[in-house]
Amino acid sequence: MKDAIISVKETKSIMPPIVDLRTLIVIDGHHRREAVISMNFRKIPFYLVDYSKDEIIVGKWFRKVLHSKLSSLFVSSLKRVGDGDLCMRFQSISICSRNVYSLYWRLEWLEERLRGLGAKVDRDPVSGEEPPELTKAEIIRVAKTGLRFPPKTTRHLYNFIIPKLRVKL
């Protein structure tokens, strides 16, 4: 969010967040929205879309890890992170949980530990370690509880044009 605040301060503008017209849930642009709110702007521009339409697809961000010696040792010491029936393989580790929401947060935890040990963790739209599938219904369900998935969990693809223009605040 720090980068979003700096950008808004410098430009006094924002690329509008994308919001579902039925639920008013932010689909993309959480950090931009939070930055504008934290700076006490009275109005926030946004794009309304119908999230239920087939023209909006939920994609994935695959993980690519370039290990350091220390992060390799850490990974080799782990067999399983968490417990539950819903699991994903991440290199030689099983990351498990009881639901997809906490599974993504456990993956985020692991990625942060790896970065702290000198590994480079990138998100790629095409290849790498594959995270679990997320549905629109699951995303809406979690958002309605007031929770959010970790950053770069979803990769929304739109089969229509959303202008990439900044709007003055």
C-alpha atoms as a PDB file:
ATOM      1  CA  MET A   1       0.000   0.000   0.000  1.00  0.00           C
ATOM      2  CA  LYS A   2       2.960   2.309   0.628  1.00  0.00           C
ATOM      3  CA  ASP A   3       3.660   2.531  -3.123  1.00  0.00           C
ATOM      4  CA  ALA A   4      -0.004   3.347  -3.798  1.00  0.00           C
ATOM      5  CA  ILE A   5       0.053   6.174  -1.244  1.00  0.00           C
ATOM      6  CA  ILE A   6       3.220   7.640  -2.769  1.00  0.00           C
ATOM      7  CA  SER A   7       1.697   7.457  -6.248  1.00  0.00           C
ATOM      8  CA  VAL A   8      -1.523   9.203  -5.153  1.00  0.00           C
ATOM      9  CA  LYS A   9       0.413  11.916  -3.280  1.00  0.00           C
ATOM     10  CA  GLU A  10       2.629  12.608  -6.294  1.00  0.00           C
ATOM     11  CA  THR A  11      -0.049  12.564  -8.985  1.00  0.00           C
ATOM     12  CA  LYS A  12      -3.278  13.372  -7.084  1.00  0.00           C
ATOM     13  CA  SER A  13      -4.806  10.710  -9.316  1.00  0.00           C
ATOM     14  CA  ILE A  14      -5.622   7.010  -9.275  1.00  0.00           C
ATOM     15  CA  MET A  15      -6.247   4.166 -11.673  1.00  0.00           C
ATOM     16  CA  PRO A  16      -9.793   3.309 -10.518  1.00  0.00           C
ATOM     17  CA  PRO A  17     -10.307   0.024  -8.655  1.00  0.00           C
ATOM     18  CA  ILE A  18     -12.589  -2.547 -10.284  1.00  0.00           C
ATOM     19  CA  VAL A  19     -15.752  -3.301  -8.285  1.00  0.00           C
ATOM     20  CA  ASP A  20     -18.514  -5.891  -8.729  1.00  0.00           C
ATOM     21  CA  LEU A  21     -21.794  -4.058  -9.385  1.00  0.00           C
ATOM     22  CA  ARG A  22     -23.908  -6.663  -7.547  1.00  0.00           C
ATOM     23  CA  THR A  23     -21.924  -7.003  -4.304  1.00  0.00           C
ATOM     24  CA  LEU A  24     -19.780  -3.823  -4.418  1.00  0.00           C
ATOM     25  CA  ILE A  25     -16.750  -5.984  -3.608  1.00  0.00           C
ATOM     26  CA  VAL A  26     -13.392  -4.730  -4.872  1.00  0.00           C
ATOM     27  CA  ILE A  27     -12.095  -7.234  -7.412  1.00  0.00           C
ATOM     28  CA  ASP A  28      -8.883  -5.408  -8.271  1.00  0.00           C
ATOM     29  CA  GLY A  29      -7.307  -2.342  -6.695  1.00  0.00           C
ATOM     30  CA  HIS A  30      -7.526  -2.971  -2.934  1.00  0.00           C
ATOM     31  CA  HIS A  31      -4.257  -1.126  -2.234  1.00  0.00           C
ATOM     32  CA  ARG A  32      -5.268   1.860  -4.355  1.00  0.00           C
ATOM     33  CA  ARG A  33      -8.625   2.047  -2.570  1.00  0.00           C
ATOM     34  CA  GLU A  34      -7.008   1.808   0.874  1.00  0.00           C
ATOM     35  CA  ALA A  35      -4.447   4.475  -0.074  1.00  0.00           C
ATOM     36  CA  VAL A  36      -7.172   6.936  -1.088  1.00  0.00           C
ATOM     37  CA  ILE A  37      -9.188   6.209   2.073  1.00  0.00           C
ATOM     38  CA  SER A  38      -6.122   6.640   4.304  1.00  0.00           C
ATOM     39  CA  MET A  39      -5.508  10.043   2.726  1.00  0.00           C
ATOM     40  CA  ASN A  40      -9.079  11.152   3.583  1.00  0.00           C
ATOM     41  CA  PHE A  41     -10.294  11.745   0.030  1.00  0.00           C
ATOM     42  CA  ARG A  42     -14.071  12.016   0.043  1.00  0.00           C
ATOM     43  CA  LYS A  43     -14.698  10.231  -3.259  1.00  0.00           C
ATOM     44  CA  ILE A  44     -13.070   7.259  -4.948  1.00  0.00           C
ATOM     45  CA  PRO A  45     -13.522   6.663  -8.680  1.00  0.00           C
ATOM     46  CA  PHE A  46     -14.039   3.029  -9.672  1.00  0.00           C
ATOM     47  CA  TYR A  47     -15.114   0.833 -12.576  1.00  0.00           C
ATOM     48  CA  LEU A  48     -18.256  -1.245 -12.084  1.00  0.00           C
ATOM     49  CA  VAL A  49     -18.326  -4.686 -13.706  1.00  0.00           C
ATOM     50  CA  ASP A  50     -20.676  -7.657 -13.490  1.00  0.00           C
ATOM     51  CA  TYR A  51     -18.389 -10.232 -11.877  1.00  0.00           C
ATOM     52  CA  SER A  52     -20.863 -13.046 -12.561  1.00  0.00           C
ATOM     53  CA  LYS A  53     -20.415 -12.707 -16.334  1.00  0.00           C
ATOM     54  CA  ASP A  54     -18.296 -15.208 -18.268  1.00  0.00           C
ATOM     55  CA  GLU A  55     -16.269 -12.314 -19.712  1.00  0.00           C
ATOM     56  CA  ILE A  56     -14.364 -12.148 -16.420  1.00  0.00           C
ATOM     57  CA  ILE A  57     -12.093 -15.118 -15.773  1.00  0.00           C
ATOM     58  CA  VAL A  58     -10.210 -15.977 -12.589  1.00  0.00           C
ATOM     59  CA  GLY A  59      -6.645 -16.879 -13.542  1.00  0.00           C
ATOM     60  CA  LYS A  60      -3.664 -17.910 -11.424  1.00  0.00           C
ATOM     61  CA  TRP A  61      -0.291 -16.528 -10.473  1.00  0.00           C
ATOM     62  CA  PHE A  62       2.189 -19.391 -10.585  1.00  0.00           C
ATOM     63  CA  ARG A  63       5.183 -19.208  -8.238  1.00  0.00           C
ATOM     64  CA  LYS A  64       8.797 -19.336  -9.371  1.00  0.00           C
ATOM     65  CA  VAL A  65      11.511 -19.628  -6.739  1.00  0.00           C
ATOM     66  CA  LEU A  66      15.218 -18.976  -7.211  1.00  0.00           C
ATOM     67  CA  HIS A  67      16.711 -20.350  -3.996  1.00  0.00           C
ATOM     68  CA  SER A  68      19.614 -19.187  -1.910  1.00  0.00           C
ATOM     69  CA  LYS A  69      21.660 -21.801  -0.043  1.00  0.00           C
ATOM     70  CA  LEU A  70      19.853 -20.948   3.175  1.00  0.00           C
ATOM     71  CA  SER A  71      16.355 -21.139   1.674  1.00  0.00           C
ATOM     72  CA  SER A  72      17.213 -24.501   0.049  1.00  0.00           C
ATOM     73  CA  LEU A  73      18.213 -25.875   3.458  1.00  0.00           C
ATOM     74  CA  PHE A  74      14.989 -24.535   4.954  1.00  0.00           C
ATOM     75  CA  VAL A  75      12.834 -26.183   2.264  1.00  0.00           C
ATOM     76  CA  SER A  76      14.669 -29.486   2.580  1.00  0.00           C
ATOM     77  CA  SER A  77      13.961 -29.463   6.346  1.00  0.00           C
ATOM     78  CA  LEU A  78      10.193 -29.191   5.791  1.00  0.00           C
ATOM     79  CA  LYS A  79       7.844 -31.944   4.725  1.00  0.00           C
ATOM     80  CA  ARG A  80       4.460 -30.425   5.515  1.00  0.00           C
ATOM     81  CA  VAL A  81       3.151 -27.008   6.518  1.00  0.00           C
ATOM     82  CA  GLY A  82      -0.214 -26.950   8.295  1.00  0.00           C
ATOM     83  CA  ASP A  83      -2.891 -29.576   8.603  1.00  0.00           C
ATOM     84  CA  GLY A  84      -6.139 -30.339   6.820  1.00  0.00           C
ATOM     85  CA  ASP A  85      -7.376 -32.200   3.764  1.00  0.00           C
ATOM     86  CA  LEU A  86      -6.850 -29.446   1.200  1.00  0.00           C
ATOM     87  CA  CYS A  87      -3.196 -29.580   0.135  1.00  0.00           C
ATOM     88  CA  MET A  88      -0.943 -28.256  -2.608  1.00  0.00           C
ATOM     89  CA  ARG A  89       2.588 -29.266  -3.498  1.00  0.00           C
ATOM     90  CA  PHE A  90       5.153 -26.508  -3.354  1.00  0.00           C
ATOM     91  CA  GLN A  91       8.474 -27.968  -4.431  1.00  0.00           C
ATOM     92  CA  SER A  92       9.054 -30.829  -1.952  1.00  0.00           C
ATOM     93  CA  ILE A  93       6.591 -29.512   0.642  1.00  0.00           C
ATOM     94  CA  SER A  94       2.908 -30.217   1.188  1.00  0.00           C
ATOM     95  CA  ILE A  95       1.069 -27.090   2.274  1.00  0.00           C
ATOM     96  CA  CYS A  96      -2.232 -28.096   3.826  1.00  0.00           C
ATOM     97  CA  SER A  97      -5.261 -26.457   5.361  1.00  0.00           C
ATOM     98  CA  ARG A  98      -8.956 -26.937   5.962  1.00  0.00           C
ATOM     99  CA  ASN A  99      -9.960 -24.272   3.415  1.00  0.00           C
ATOM    100  CA  VAL A 100      -8.563 -22.477   0.391  1.00  0.00           C
ATOM    101  CA  TYR A 101      -8.408 -19.108   2.177  1.00  0.00           C
ATOM    102  CA  SER A 102      -6.020 -20.280   4.897  1.00  0.00           C
ATOM    103  CA  LEU A 103      -4.127 -22.392   2.360  1.00  0.00           C
ATOM    104  CA  TYR A 104      -3.245 -19.248   0.393  1.00  0.00           C
ATOM    105  CA  TRP A 105      -2.160 -17.480   3.600  1.00  0.00           C
ATOM    106  CA  ARG A 106       0.080 -20.437   4.486  1.00  0.00           C
ATOM    107  CA  LEU A 107       1.618 -20.232   1.024  1.00  0.00           C
ATOM    108  CA  GLU A 108       2.161 -16.492   1.594  1.00  0.00           C
ATOM    109  CA  TRP A 109       3.816 -17.269   4.947  1.00  0.00           C
ATOM    110  CA  LEU A 110       6.185 -19.745   3.293  1.00  0.00           C
ATOM    111  CA  GLU A 111       7.054 -17.323   0.480  1.00  0.00           C
ATOM    112  CA  GLU A 112       7.859 -14.581   3.029  1.00  0.00           C
ATOM    113  CA  ARG A 113      10.157 -16.980   4.935  1.00  0.00           C
ATOM    114  CA  LEU A 114      11.916 -17.919   1.698  1.00  0.00           C
ATOM    115  CA  ARG A 115      12.405 -14.248   0.770  1.00  0.00           C
ATOM    116  CA  GLY A 116      13.790 -13.618   4.250  1.00  0.00           C
ATOM    117  CA  LEU A 117      16.302 -16.397   3.652  1.00  0.00           C
ATOM    118  CA  GLY A 118      17.500 -14.821   0.397  1.00  0.00           C
ATOM    119  CA  ALA A 119      15.314 -16.625  -2.154  1.00  0.00           C
ATOM    120  CA  LYS A 120      13.709 -14.745  -5.011  1.00  0.00           C
ATOM    121  CA  VAL A 121       9.995 -15.569  -5.302  1.00  0.00           C
ATOM    122  CA  ASP A 122       8.253 -14.350  -8.450  1.00  0.00           C
ATOM    123  CA  ARG A 123       4.676 -14.636  -9.644  1.00  0.00           C
ATOM    124  CA  ASP A 124       4.231 -15.706 -13.247  1.00  0.00           C
ATOM    125  CA  PRO A 125       0.978 -15.924 -15.250  1.00  0.00           C
ATOM    126  CA  VAL A 126       2.026 -19.047 -17.176  1.00  0.00           C
ATOM    127  CA  SER A 127       4.480 -21.344 -15.425  1.00  0.00           C
ATOM    128  CA  GLY A 128       5.949 -22.341 -12.083  1.00  0.00           C
ATOM    129  CA  GLU A 129       4.486 -23.937  -8.978  1.00  0.00           C
ATOM    130  CA  GLU A 130       0.718 -24.093  -9.459  1.00  0.00           C
ATOM    131  CA  PRO A 131      -1.475 -22.784  -6.643  1.00  0.00           C
ATOM    132  CA  PRO A 132      -4.978 -24.129  -5.968  1.00  0.00           C
ATOM    133  CA  GLU A 133      -7.890 -23.118  -8.172  1.00  0.00           C
ATOM    134  CA  LEU A 134     -10.098 -20.305  -6.935  1.00  0.00           C
ATOM    135  CA  THR A 135     -13.676 -19.769  -8.039  1.00  0.00           C
ATOM    136  CA  LYS A 136     -15.560 -16.485  -8.219  1.00  0.00           C
ATOM    137  CA  ALA A 137     -17.986 -17.852  -5.623  1.00  0.00           C
ATOM    138  CA  GLU A 138     -15.112 -18.549  -3.192  1.00  0.00           C
ATOM    139  CA  ILE A 139     -13.619 -15.092  -3.775  1.00  0.00           C
ATOM    140  CA  ILE A 140     -16.998 -13.408  -3.132  1.00  0.00           C
ATOM    141  CA  ARG A 141     -17.667 -15.603  -0.075  1.00  0.00           C
ATOM    142  CA  VAL A 142     -14.345 -14.634   1.529  1.00  0.00           C
ATOM    143  CA  ALA A 143     -14.739 -10.944   0.631  1.00  0.00           C
ATOM    144  CA  LYS A 144     -18.233 -10.828   2.164  1.00  0.00           C
ATOM    145  CA  THR A 145     -16.736 -11.863   5.508  1.00  0.00           C
ATOM    146  CA  GLY A 146     -14.460  -8.810   5.365  1.00  0.00           C
ATOM    147  CA  LEU A 147     -11.349 -10.902   4.741  1.00  0.00           C
ATOM    148  CA  ARG A 148      -8.946 -10.647   1.814  1.00  0.00           C
ATOM    149  CA  PHE A 149      -6.685 -13.116   0.142  1.00  0.00           C
ATOM    150  CA  PRO A 150      -2.958 -12.311   0.091  1.00  0.00           C
ATOM    151  CA  PRO A 151      -1.747  -9.911  -2.631  1.00  0.00           C
ATOM    152  CA  LYS A 152      -1.466 -11.421  -6.115  1.00  0.00           C
ATOM    153  CA  THR A 153      -3.653 -14.410  -5.245  1.00  0.00           C
ATOM    154  CA  THR A 154      -6.019 -13.891  -8.151  1.00  0.00           C
ATOM    155  CA  ARG A 155      -5.287 -12.829 -11.684  1.00  0.00           C
ATOM    156  CA  HIS A 156      -8.488 -11.522 -13.199  1.00  0.00           C
ATOM    157  CA  LEU A 157      -8.711 -11.559 -16.975  1.00  0.00           C
ATOM    158  CA  TYR A 158     -11.292  -9.443 -18.764  1.00  0.00           C
ATOM    159  CA  ASN A 159     -12.646 -10.187 -22.235  1.00  0.00           C
ATOM    160  CA  PHE A 160     -13.477  -6.504 -22.632  1.00  0.00           C
ATOM    161  CA  ILE A 161     -11.481  -3.324 -22.357  1.00  0.00           C
ATOM    162  CA  ILE A 162     -10.968  -1.613 -19.027  1.00  0.00           C
ATOM    163  CA  PRO A 163      -9.293   1.753 -19.622  1.00  0.00           C
ATOM    164  CA  LYS A 164      -5.851   2.071 -18.039  1.00  0.00           C
ATOM    165  CA  LEU A 165      -6.276   5.771 -17.418  1.00  0.00           C
ATOM    166  CA  ARG A 166      -5.608   7.575 -14.158  1.00  0.00           C
ATOM    167  CA  VAL A 167      -8.449   9.729 -12.834  1.00  0.00           C
ATOM    168  CA  LYS A 168      -7.759  12.983 -10.973  1.00  0.00           C
ATOM    169  CA  LEU A 169      -8.915  13.027  -7.363  1.00  0.00           C
END
